Amino acid sequence: MFQSIIHRSPSLQVDDLNVRLVSPKDAEPIADYYQRNRAFLQPWEPLREEGFYTVAGWEKRLSQLAELHKHKLAYYFVITREDSAQICGVINYSNLVRHPFYACHVGYSLDEACQGQGIMRKALSATVAWMFDEQSFHRVMAAYMPRNQKSAAVLSAAGFGIEGEAKDYLLINGRWEDHILTAKINSGWVQPKV
């Protein structure tokens, strides 16, 4: 399903998609991704400072993400098509806790122009498999707002099961929003050697 490249820079090939860890050279394309999709993503994301939409802001942020990647504290993936350098989506793994929890959270977004093509389902499935197989995680958790049926469908297709509902769970677009809590469990989990 996917191929992992050596070191801390995995590159996962899924059909015509390249899903890879973001790198310092991505400041311009990722700023462009968020500028292009600013209005589209606003109802589903936290309020952002203006620097979040600038190349300079992303240069600083990518330096911080490189450190998180290096220390295995977070993983921030970008999605591109094989024939394009333009970023069409992002997937981020945060709150990584290893022994004894071996769990983390995942969040994602997809370009407005790429909706309904199965891109996020494929990319999410590949990165979850990488988190299970290469990083030895037992549980990946995701949450979505009840009205976000596209996200509900992506998570269901990727094998996430509903575990509950949390009131006023995340501050999204300036207001507290209820979320449906989901998780995918690694049924083949083997405890990593210490």
N, C-alpha and C. Protein backbone atom coordinates (compact mmCIF):
# COMPACT_ATOMS: atom_id res chain seq x y z
N MET A 1 0.82 -1.20 0.00
CA MET A 1 0.00 0.00 0.00
C MET A 1 0.86 1.26 0.00
N PHE A 2 1.93 1.27 0.81
CA PHE A 2 2.81 2.43 0.81
C PHE A 2 4.23 1.98 0.99
N GLN A 3 5.14 2.89 0.67
CA GLN A 3 6.55 2.60 0.76
C GLN A 3 7.17 3.62 1.69
N SER A 4 7.98 3.17 2.62
CA SER A 4 8.60 4.07 3.59
C SER A 4 10.06 4.29 3.20
N ILE A 5 10.47 5.53 3.21
CA ILE A 5 11.85 5.89 2.90
C ILE A 5 12.61 6.02 4.22
N ILE A 6 13.92 5.77 4.18
CA ILE A 6 14.72 5.71 5.40
C ILE A 6 14.78 7.05 6.13
N HIS A 7 15.30 6.99 7.34
CA HIS A 7 15.51 8.11 8.26
C HIS A 7 14.18 8.63 8.79
N ARG A 8 14.16 9.89 9.17
CA ARG A 8 12.95 10.46 9.79
C ARG A 8 12.09 11.19 8.77
N SER A 9 12.30 10.94 7.51
CA SER A 9 11.54 11.62 6.47
C SER A 9 10.75 10.63 5.63
N PRO A 10 9.69 10.06 6.20
CA PRO A 10 8.94 9.08 5.42
C PRO A 10 8.24 9.74 4.23
N SER A 11 8.23 8.99 3.16
CA SER A 11 7.48 9.39 1.98
C SER A 11 6.61 8.20 1.59
N LEU A 12 5.32 8.40 1.66
CA LEU A 12 4.37 7.32 1.41
C LEU A 12 3.72 7.54 0.05
N GLN A 13 3.83 6.56 -0.82
CA GLN A 13 3.22 6.65 -2.14
C GLN A 13 1.90 5.89 -2.10
N VAL A 14 0.81 6.58 -2.40
CA VAL A 14 -0.52 5.97 -2.40
C VAL A 14 -1.19 6.34 -3.72
N ASP A 15 -1.27 5.38 -4.62
CA ASP A 15 -1.79 5.65 -5.97
C ASP A 15 -1.02 6.83 -6.57
N ASP A 16 -1.71 7.90 -6.95
CA ASP A 16 -1.00 9.04 -7.55
C ASP A 16 -0.70 10.13 -6.52
N LEU A 17 -0.71 9.78 -5.23
CA LEU A 17 -0.45 10.74 -4.17
C LEU A 17 0.90 10.49 -3.52
N ASN A 18 1.57 11.58 -3.17
CA ASN A 18 2.78 11.50 -2.37
C ASN A 18 2.44 12.14 -1.03
N VAL A 19 2.59 11.38 0.04
CA VAL A 19 2.31 11.85 1.39
C VAL A 19 3.63 11.80 2.14
N ARG A 20 4.14 12.97 2.55
CA ARG A 20 5.48 13.02 3.15
C ARG A 20 5.52 14.02 4.29
N LEU A 21 6.51 13.87 5.15
CA LEU A 21 6.70 14.84 6.21
C LEU A 21 7.05 16.19 5.62
N VAL A 22 6.47 17.22 6.18
CA VAL A 22 6.76 18.57 5.75
C VAL A 22 8.24 18.87 6.04
N SER A 23 8.85 19.73 5.22
CA SER A 23 10.27 20.07 5.41
C SER A 23 10.45 21.58 5.28
N PRO A 24 11.60 22.09 5.68
CA PRO A 24 11.83 23.54 5.61
C PRO A 24 11.63 24.14 4.22
N LYS A 25 11.80 23.35 3.17
CA LYS A 25 11.61 23.88 1.81
C LYS A 25 10.14 24.09 1.44
N ASP A 26 9.24 23.71 2.33
CA ASP A 26 7.80 23.79 2.05
C ASP A 26 7.14 25.10 2.50
N ALA A 27 7.91 26.06 2.98
CA ALA A 27 7.29 27.28 3.52
C ALA A 27 6.37 27.96 2.50
N GLU A 28 6.83 28.12 1.28
CA GLU A 28 6.01 28.80 0.27
C GLU A 28 4.78 27.98 -0.13
N PRO A 29 4.93 26.68 -0.48
CA PRO A 29 3.73 25.94 -0.87
C PRO A 29 2.71 25.75 0.25
N ILE A 30 3.17 25.64 1.50
CA ILE A 30 2.18 25.44 2.57
C ILE A 30 1.49 26.76 2.92
N ALA A 31 2.22 27.86 2.84
CA ALA A 31 1.56 29.17 3.03
C ALA A 31 0.53 29.37 1.93
N ASP A 32 0.87 28.99 0.71
CA ASP A 32 -0.06 29.10 -0.41
C ASP A 32 -1.30 28.23 -0.18
N TYR A 33 -1.10 27.00 0.33
CA TYR A 33 -2.23 26.11 0.64
C TYR A 33 -3.20 26.78 1.60
N TYR A 34 -2.67 27.34 2.69
CA TYR A 34 -3.55 27.95 3.68
C TYR A 34 -4.15 29.27 3.20
N GLN A 35 -3.43 30.01 2.37
CA GLN A 35 -4.02 31.23 1.79
C GLN A 35 -5.17 30.88 0.86
N ARG A 36 -4.96 29.89 0.00
CA ARG A 36 -5.99 29.47 -0.96
C ARG A 36 -7.25 28.98 -0.27
N ASN A 37 -7.09 28.33 0.86
CA ASN A 37 -8.20 27.66 1.53
C ASN A 37 -8.66 28.37 2.80
N ARG A 38 -8.23 29.59 2.98
CA ARG A 38 -8.51 30.31 4.22
C ARG A 38 -10.00 30.35 4.56
N ALA A 39 -10.81 30.82 3.64
CA ALA A 39 -12.25 30.92 3.89
C ALA A 39 -12.90 29.54 4.00
N PHE A 40 -12.45 28.61 3.18
CA PHE A 40 -13.03 27.27 3.18
C PHE A 40 -12.78 26.54 4.50
N LEU A 41 -11.57 26.67 5.05
CA LEU A 41 -11.22 25.94 6.28
C LEU A 41 -11.66 26.65 7.55
N GLN A 42 -11.95 27.95 7.47
CA GLN A 42 -12.23 28.74 8.66
C GLN A 42 -13.30 28.14 9.59
N PRO A 43 -14.42 27.62 9.09
CA PRO A 43 -15.44 27.07 10.00
C PRO A 43 -14.99 25.83 10.77
N TRP A 44 -13.89 25.20 10.35
CA TRP A 44 -13.47 23.92 10.93
C TRP A 44 -12.18 23.99 11.73
N GLU A 45 -11.58 25.17 11.81
CA GLU A 45 -10.27 25.29 12.44
C GLU A 45 -10.25 26.39 13.51
N PRO A 46 -9.22 26.37 14.37
CA PRO A 46 -9.06 27.47 15.33
C PRO A 46 -8.81 28.79 14.60
N LEU A 47 -9.08 29.90 15.28
CA LEU A 47 -8.72 31.19 14.71
C LEU A 47 -7.20 31.25 14.56
N ARG A 48 -6.73 31.82 13.48
CA ARG A 48 -5.29 31.87 13.18
C ARG A 48 -4.79 33.31 13.19
N GLU A 49 -3.55 33.50 13.65
CA GLU A 49 -2.90 34.80 13.54
C GLU A 49 -2.52 35.02 12.08
N GLU A 50 -2.34 36.26 11.69
CA GLU A 50 -2.01 36.57 10.29
C GLU A 50 -0.73 35.88 9.84
N GLY A 51 0.24 35.73 10.75
CA GLY A 51 1.50 35.10 10.41
C GLY A 51 1.35 33.66 9.93
N PHE A 52 0.24 33.02 10.30
CA PHE A 52 -0.01 31.64 9.89
C PHE A 52 -0.15 31.55 8.36
N TYR A 53 -0.53 32.63 7.74
CA TYR A 53 -0.78 32.63 6.29
C TYR A 53 0.39 33.18 5.48
N THR A 54 1.53 33.43 6.13
CA THR A 54 2.68 34.02 5.44
C THR A 54 3.82 33.02 5.31
N VAL A 55 4.66 33.26 4.31
CA VAL A 55 5.85 32.43 4.12
C VAL A 55 6.78 32.58 5.32
N ALA A 56 6.96 33.79 5.81
CA ALA A 56 7.83 34.02 6.97
C ALA A 56 7.30 33.28 8.20
N GLY A 57 6.01 33.30 8.39
CA GLY A 57 5.41 32.58 9.51
C GLY A 57 5.65 31.09 9.41
N TRP A 58 5.53 30.56 8.20
CA TRP A 58 5.75 29.13 8.01
C TRP A 58 7.22 28.76 8.09
N GLU A 59 8.12 29.65 7.71
CA GLU A 59 9.55 29.36 7.87
C GLU A 59 9.86 29.11 9.34
N LYS A 60 9.31 29.96 10.21
CA LYS A 60 9.51 29.79 11.65
C LYS A 60 8.84 28.51 12.15
N ARG A 61 7.61 28.30 11.73
CA ARG A 61 6.85 27.12 12.17
C ARG A 61 7.52 25.83 11.70
N LEU A 62 8.05 25.81 10.48
CA LEU A 62 8.68 24.60 9.95
C LEU A 62 9.96 24.26 10.70
N SER A 63 10.65 25.27 11.18
CA SER A 63 11.83 25.04 12.01
C SER A 63 11.42 24.34 13.31
N GLN A 64 10.31 24.77 13.90
CA GLN A 64 9.80 24.15 15.12
C GLN A 64 9.32 22.72 14.83
N LEU A 65 8.63 22.53 13.70
CA LEU A 65 8.15 21.19 13.35
C LEU A 65 9.32 20.23 13.10
N ALA A 66 10.41 20.72 12.52
CA ALA A 66 11.58 19.87 12.30
C ALA A 66 12.11 19.34 13.63
N GLU A 67 12.11 20.17 14.65
CA GLU A 67 12.55 19.72 15.98
C GLU A 67 11.58 18.68 16.56
N LEU A 68 10.30 18.92 16.39
CA LEU A 68 9.31 17.95 16.88
C LEU A 68 9.46 16.61 16.16
N HIS A 69 9.69 16.65 14.84
CA HIS A 69 9.91 15.42 14.07
C HIS A 69 11.16 14.70 14.59
N LYS A 70 12.24 15.46 14.77
CA LYS A 70 13.52 14.91 15.21
C LYS A 70 13.38 14.16 16.53
N HIS A 71 12.61 14.72 17.44
CA HIS A 71 12.44 14.11 18.77
C HIS A 71 11.21 13.20 18.86
N LYS A 72 10.58 12.94 17.72
CA LYS A 72 9.41 12.05 17.64
C LYS A 72 8.27 12.51 18.54
N LEU A 73 8.05 13.82 18.57
CA LEU A 73 6.99 14.40 19.39
C LEU A 73 5.76 14.78 18.58
N ALA A 74 5.89 14.85 17.28
CA ALA A 74 4.77 15.17 16.38
C ALA A 74 5.21 14.81 14.96
N TYR A 75 4.21 14.61 14.09
CA TYR A 75 4.49 14.36 12.68
C TYR A 75 3.48 15.17 11.86
N TYR A 76 3.99 15.99 10.94
CA TYR A 76 3.14 16.86 10.13
C TYR A 76 3.38 16.49 8.67
N PHE A 77 2.39 15.87 8.06
CA PHE A 77 2.50 15.40 6.68
C PHE A 77 1.81 16.37 5.72
N VAL A 78 2.36 16.45 4.51
CA VAL A 78 1.70 17.18 3.42
C VAL A 78 1.37 16.18 2.31
N ILE A 79 0.32 16.48 1.57
CA ILE A 79 -0.14 15.62 0.48
C ILE A 79 0.02 16.39 -0.83
N THR A 80 0.66 15.76 -1.81
CA THR A 80 0.75 16.33 -3.15
C THR A 80 0.38 15.23 -4.15
N ARG A 81 0.00 15.65 -5.33
CA ARG A 81 -0.20 14.69 -6.41
C ARG A 81 1.16 14.42 -7.05
N GLU A 82 1.29 13.25 -7.66
CA GLU A 82 2.55 12.85 -8.28
C GLU A 82 3.04 13.88 -9.28
N ASP A 83 2.13 14.50 -10.01
CA ASP A 83 2.51 15.41 -11.10
C ASP A 83 2.52 16.88 -10.69
N SER A 84 2.51 17.17 -9.39
CA SER A 84 2.45 18.56 -8.95
C SER A 84 3.16 18.75 -7.62
N ALA A 85 3.76 19.92 -7.43
CA ALA A 85 4.40 20.26 -6.15
C ALA A 85 3.41 20.99 -5.24
N GLN A 86 2.23 21.31 -5.77
CA GLN A 86 1.24 22.05 -4.98
C GLN A 86 0.66 21.16 -3.88
N ILE A 87 0.68 21.67 -2.66
CA ILE A 87 0.12 20.92 -1.53
C ILE A 87 -1.40 20.95 -1.62
N CYS A 88 -2.00 19.76 -1.51
CA CYS A 88 -3.47 19.69 -1.60
C CYS A 88 -4.09 19.24 -0.28
N GLY A 89 -3.28 18.96 0.73
CA GLY A 89 -3.82 18.58 2.03
C GLY A 89 -2.72 18.40 3.05
N VAL A 90 -3.12 18.36 4.32
CA VAL A 90 -2.19 18.15 5.42
C VAL A 90 -2.80 17.16 6.41
N ILE A 91 -1.92 16.41 7.07
CA ILE A 91 -2.32 15.49 8.15
C ILE A 91 -1.29 15.67 9.25
N ASN A 92 -1.77 15.94 10.47
CA ASN A 92 -0.81 16.11 11.56
C ASN A 92 -1.15 15.20 12.74
N TYR A 93 -0.10 14.62 13.28
CA TYR A 93 -0.19 13.76 14.46
C TYR A 93 0.44 14.51 15.63
N SER A 94 -0.34 14.70 16.69
CA SER A 94 0.12 15.48 17.84
C SER A 94 -0.22 14.75 19.14
N ASN A 95 0.24 15.33 20.24
CA ASN A 95 0.01 14.75 21.57
C ASN A 95 0.47 13.29 21.60
N LEU A 96 1.63 13.03 21.04
CA LEU A 96 2.16 11.68 21.00
C LEU A 96 2.61 11.25 22.40
N VAL A 97 2.00 10.21 22.92
CA VAL A 97 2.37 9.66 24.21
C VAL A 97 2.72 8.19 23.98
N ARG A 98 3.91 7.82 24.40
CA ARG A 98 4.31 6.43 24.22
C ARG A 98 3.99 5.66 25.50
N HIS A 99 4.90 4.93 26.07
CA HIS A 99 4.64 4.05 27.22
C HIS A 99 3.94 4.79 28.35
N PRO A 100 2.85 4.31 28.92
CA PRO A 100 2.15 3.06 28.59
C PRO A 100 0.95 3.26 27.68
N PHE A 101 0.74 4.49 27.17
CA PHE A 101 -0.47 4.83 26.42
C PHE A 101 -0.36 4.44 24.94
N TYR A 102 0.78 4.74 24.32
CA TYR A 102 1.01 4.48 22.90
C TYR A 102 -0.14 5.00 22.04
N ALA A 103 -0.47 6.28 22.26
CA ALA A 103 -1.61 6.87 21.56
C ALA A 103 -1.28 8.31 21.15
N CYS A 104 -2.06 8.82 20.20
CA CYS A 104 -1.88 10.19 19.73
C CYS A 104 -3.18 10.67 19.09
N HIS A 105 -3.20 11.95 18.74
CA HIS A 105 -4.33 12.54 18.04
C HIS A 105 -3.94 12.84 16.59
N VAL A 106 -4.91 12.79 15.70
CA VAL A 106 -4.68 13.16 14.31
C VAL A 106 -5.68 14.25 13.91
N GLY A 107 -5.19 15.18 13.11
CA GLY A 107 -6.03 16.21 12.52
C GLY A 107 -5.65 16.35 11.05
N TYR A 108 -6.53 16.90 10.24
CA TYR A 108 -6.24 16.97 8.81
C TYR A 108 -7.11 18.04 8.16
N SER A 109 -6.69 18.44 6.97
CA SER A 109 -7.53 19.30 6.13
C SER A 109 -7.18 19.03 4.68
N LEU A 110 -8.12 19.35 3.80
CA LEU A 110 -7.97 19.08 2.37
C LEU A 110 -8.42 20.29 1.57
N ASP A 111 -7.67 20.59 0.53
CA ASP A 111 -7.97 21.70 -0.37
C ASP A 111 -9.42 21.63 -0.85
N GLU A 112 -10.06 22.77 -0.92
CA GLU A 112 -11.46 22.82 -1.38
C GLU A 112 -11.61 22.19 -2.77
N ALA A 113 -10.62 22.40 -3.65
CA ALA A 113 -10.70 21.89 -5.02
C ALA A 113 -10.51 20.38 -5.10
N CYS A 114 -10.09 19.75 -4.00
CA CYS A 114 -9.79 18.31 -4.01
C CYS A 114 -10.83 17.48 -3.26
N GLN A 115 -11.91 18.10 -2.84
CA GLN A 115 -12.94 17.40 -2.07
C GLN A 115 -13.62 16.32 -2.92
N GLY A 116 -14.02 15.23 -2.27
CA GLY A 116 -14.82 14.20 -2.93
C GLY A 116 -14.07 13.28 -3.87
N GLN A 117 -12.73 13.24 -3.77
CA GLN A 117 -11.95 12.40 -4.67
C GLN A 117 -11.27 11.23 -3.96
N GLY A 118 -11.56 11.05 -2.69
CA GLY A 118 -10.96 9.95 -1.93
C GLY A 118 -9.54 10.21 -1.48
N ILE A 119 -9.05 11.42 -1.67
CA ILE A 119 -7.66 11.74 -1.35
C ILE A 119 -7.38 11.60 0.14
N MET A 120 -8.21 12.22 0.98
CA MET A 120 -7.94 12.18 2.41
C MET A 120 -8.10 10.77 2.97
N ARG A 121 -9.07 10.05 2.51
CA ARG A 121 -9.26 8.67 2.98
C ARG A 121 -7.98 7.85 2.73
N LYS A 122 -7.43 7.95 1.52
CA LYS A 122 -6.22 7.19 1.17
C LYS A 122 -5.02 7.67 1.98
N ALA A 123 -4.84 8.99 2.06
CA ALA A 123 -3.67 9.54 2.75
C ALA A 123 -3.74 9.26 4.25
N LEU A 124 -4.92 9.40 4.83
CA LEU A 124 -5.09 9.14 6.26
C LEU A 124 -4.82 7.66 6.56
N SER A 125 -5.36 6.77 5.75
CA SER A 125 -5.13 5.34 5.97
C SER A 125 -3.64 5.00 5.90
N ALA A 126 -2.93 5.60 4.94
CA ALA A 126 -1.49 5.32 4.80
C ALA A 126 -0.70 5.85 5.98
N THR A 127 -1.01 7.05 6.46
CA THR A 127 -0.24 7.61 7.57
C THR A 127 -0.58 6.91 8.89
N VAL A 128 -1.83 6.49 9.07
CA VAL A 128 -2.18 5.72 10.27
C VAL A 128 -1.41 4.39 10.26
N ALA A 129 -1.34 3.74 9.10
CA ALA A 129 -0.58 2.49 9.00
C ALA A 129 0.89 2.74 9.35
N TRP A 130 1.44 3.87 8.91
CA TRP A 130 2.83 4.21 9.24
C TRP A 130 2.98 4.43 10.75
N MET A 131 2.02 5.11 11.37
CA MET A 131 2.07 5.33 12.82
C MET A 131 2.00 3.99 13.57
N PHE A 132 1.22 3.06 13.07
CA PHE A 132 1.12 1.75 13.70
C PHE A 132 2.39 0.91 13.45
N ASP A 133 2.78 0.79 12.20
CA ASP A 133 3.86 -0.13 11.83
C ASP A 133 5.25 0.41 12.15
N GLU A 134 5.49 1.69 11.89
CA GLU A 134 6.83 2.26 12.05
C GLU A 134 7.03 2.94 13.39
N GLN A 135 5.96 3.44 13.99
CA GLN A 135 6.08 4.18 15.25
C GLN A 135 5.49 3.42 16.44
N SER A 136 4.93 2.26 16.20
CA SER A 136 4.43 1.37 17.25
C SER A 136 3.32 1.97 18.12
N PHE A 137 2.45 2.75 17.50
CA PHE A 137 1.31 3.29 18.25
C PHE A 137 0.18 2.26 18.29
N HIS A 138 -0.54 2.26 19.39
CA HIS A 138 -1.66 1.33 19.58
C HIS A 138 -2.99 1.98 19.25
N ARG A 139 -3.08 3.30 19.43
CA ARG A 139 -4.35 4.01 19.25
C ARG A 139 -4.08 5.36 18.59
N VAL A 140 -4.89 5.68 17.57
CA VAL A 140 -4.90 7.02 16.97
C VAL A 140 -6.31 7.55 17.15
N MET A 141 -6.40 8.75 17.74
CA MET A 141 -7.70 9.34 18.05
C MET A 141 -7.96 10.56 17.16
N ALA A 142 -9.21 10.75 16.80
CA ALA A 142 -9.63 11.89 16.01
C ALA A 142 -10.99 12.36 16.50
N ALA A 143 -11.25 13.64 16.34
CA ALA A 143 -12.55 14.20 16.75
C ALA A 143 -13.07 15.08 15.62
N TYR A 144 -14.39 15.09 15.48
CA TYR A 144 -15.00 15.95 14.47
C TYR A 144 -16.29 16.54 15.01
N MET A 145 -16.64 17.71 14.49
CA MET A 145 -17.89 18.35 14.89
C MET A 145 -19.06 17.57 14.28
N PRO A 146 -20.14 17.39 15.02
CA PRO A 146 -21.26 16.59 14.50
C PRO A 146 -21.77 17.03 13.14
N ARG A 147 -21.69 18.31 12.82
CA ARG A 147 -22.18 18.77 11.52
C ARG A 147 -21.19 18.54 10.37
N ASN A 148 -19.98 18.09 10.68
CA ASN A 148 -18.96 17.87 9.65
C ASN A 148 -19.07 16.44 9.12
N GLN A 149 -20.05 16.23 8.27
CA GLN A 149 -20.31 14.89 7.74
C GLN A 149 -19.21 14.39 6.81
N LYS A 150 -18.49 15.29 6.13
CA LYS A 150 -17.38 14.85 5.28
C LYS A 150 -16.29 14.21 6.13
N SER A 151 -15.96 14.84 7.25
CA SER A 151 -14.94 14.29 8.14
C SER A 151 -15.42 12.98 8.76
N ALA A 152 -16.69 12.91 9.12
CA ALA A 152 -17.24 11.66 9.67
C ALA A 152 -17.08 10.52 8.66
N ALA A 153 -17.35 10.80 7.38
CA ALA A 153 -17.24 9.78 6.34
C ALA A 153 -15.79 9.35 6.12
N VAL A 154 -14.86 10.31 6.14
CA VAL A 154 -13.43 9.98 5.98
C VAL A 154 -12.97 9.06 7.11
N LEU A 155 -13.30 9.43 8.34
CA LEU A 155 -12.86 8.63 9.49
C LEU A 155 -13.48 7.24 9.47
N SER A 156 -14.74 7.15 9.15
CA SER A 156 -15.39 5.85 9.06
C SER A 156 -14.74 4.97 8.00
N ALA A 157 -14.47 5.56 6.82
CA ALA A 157 -13.85 4.81 5.73
C ALA A 157 -12.43 4.36 6.09
N ALA A 158 -11.75 5.14 6.95
CA ALA A 158 -10.38 4.80 7.36
C ALA A 158 -10.36 3.85 8.56
N GLY A 159 -11.54 3.42 9.02
CA GLY A 159 -11.61 2.42 10.08
C GLY A 159 -11.68 2.96 11.49
N PHE A 160 -11.98 4.25 11.65
CA PHE A 160 -12.13 4.83 12.98
C PHE A 160 -13.54 4.53 13.49
N GLY A 161 -13.64 4.17 14.77
CA GLY A 161 -14.93 3.90 15.38
C GLY A 161 -15.29 4.99 16.38
N ILE A 162 -16.56 5.29 16.49
CA ILE A 162 -17.04 6.31 17.43
C ILE A 162 -16.94 5.77 18.85
N GLU A 163 -16.37 6.61 19.74
CA GLU A 163 -16.21 6.21 21.14
C GLU A 163 -17.00 7.09 22.10
N GLY A 164 -17.52 8.21 21.60
CA GLY A 164 -18.29 9.07 22.50
C GLY A 164 -18.44 10.47 21.93
N GLU A 165 -18.95 11.34 22.78
CA GLU A 165 -19.14 12.75 22.40
C GLU A 165 -18.63 13.61 23.54
N ALA A 166 -17.96 14.70 23.19
CA ALA A 166 -17.43 15.63 24.19
C ALA A 166 -18.06 17.00 23.98
N LYS A 167 -18.63 17.54 25.04
CA LYS A 167 -19.24 18.87 24.99
C LYS A 167 -18.15 19.93 25.07
N ASP A 168 -18.32 21.02 24.31
CA ASP A 168 -17.37 22.14 24.33
C ASP A 168 -15.92 21.65 24.30
N TYR A 169 -15.59 20.82 23.34
CA TYR A 169 -14.32 20.10 23.30
C TYR A 169 -13.15 20.94 22.78
N LEU A 170 -13.37 21.64 21.66
CA LEU A 170 -12.29 22.44 21.06
C LEU A 170 -12.80 23.84 20.71
N LEU A 171 -11.89 24.80 20.81
CA LEU A 171 -12.20 26.19 20.45
C LEU A 171 -11.97 26.35 18.95
N ILE A 172 -13.06 26.30 18.19
CA ILE A 172 -13.00 26.33 16.74
C ILE A 172 -13.63 27.63 16.23
N ASN A 173 -12.87 28.35 15.41
CA ASN A 173 -13.37 29.59 14.81
C ASN A 173 -13.96 30.54 15.88
N GLY A 174 -13.32 30.56 17.05
CA GLY A 174 -13.72 31.50 18.09
C GLY A 174 -14.82 31.04 19.03
N ARG A 175 -15.30 29.80 18.88
CA ARG A 175 -16.34 29.32 19.81
C ARG A 175 -16.11 27.85 20.16
N TRP A 176 -16.53 27.49 21.36
CA TRP A 176 -16.39 26.12 21.81
C TRP A 176 -17.37 25.23 21.05
N GLU A 177 -16.87 24.12 20.53
CA GLU A 177 -17.68 23.21 19.72
C GLU A 177 -17.68 21.81 20.32
N ASP A 178 -18.86 21.18 20.31
CA ASP A 178 -18.97 19.77 20.66
C ASP A 178 -18.28 18.95 19.58
N HIS A 179 -17.74 17.79 19.96
CA HIS A 179 -17.08 16.91 19.00
C HIS A 179 -17.46 15.46 19.25
N ILE A 180 -17.51 14.70 18.18
CA ILE A 180 -17.64 13.25 18.24
C ILE A 180 -16.22 12.69 18.35
N LEU A 181 -15.99 11.83 19.33
CA LEU A 181 -14.66 11.26 19.55
C LEU A 181 -14.57 9.90 18.87
N THR A 182 -13.52 9.70 18.12
CA THR A 182 -13.30 8.43 17.42
C THR A 182 -11.88 7.94 17.66
N ALA A 183 -11.65 6.69 17.36
CA ALA A 183 -10.30 6.13 17.45
C ALA A 183 -10.18 4.94 16.52
N LYS A 184 -8.95 4.69 16.14
CA LYS A 184 -8.62 3.46 15.42
C LYS A 184 -7.55 2.74 16.26
N ILE A 185 -7.79 1.46 16.49
CA ILE A 185 -6.90 0.66 17.33
C ILE A 185 -6.04 -0.24 16.44
N ASN A 186 -4.78 -0.35 16.80
CA ASN A 186 -3.85 -1.24 16.10
C ASN A 186 -4.02 -2.65 16.65
N SER A 187 -4.80 -3.48 15.95
CA SER A 187 -5.10 -4.83 16.44
C SER A 187 -3.88 -5.74 16.41
N GLY A 188 -2.87 -5.39 15.64
CA GLY A 188 -1.66 -6.20 15.59
C GLY A 188 -0.52 -5.61 16.39
N TRP A 189 -0.85 -4.78 17.38
CA TRP A 189 0.18 -4.07 18.13
C TRP A 189 1.12 -5.02 18.86
N VAL A 190 2.40 -4.72 18.76
CA VAL A 190 3.44 -5.44 19.49
C VAL A 190 4.24 -4.40 20.26
N GLN A 191 4.46 -4.65 21.53
CA GLN A 191 5.19 -3.69 22.33
C GLN A 191 6.60 -3.49 21.79
N PRO A 192 7.01 -2.23 21.56
CA PRO A 192 8.36 -2.00 21.03
C PRO A 192 9.42 -2.35 22.06
N LYS A 193 10.58 -2.74 21.59
CA LYS A 193 11.70 -3.03 22.49
C LYS A 193 12.24 -1.72 23.02
N VAL A 194 12.54 -1.71 24.29
CA VAL A 194 13.02 -0.48 24.92
C VAL A 194 14.50 -0.34 24.72
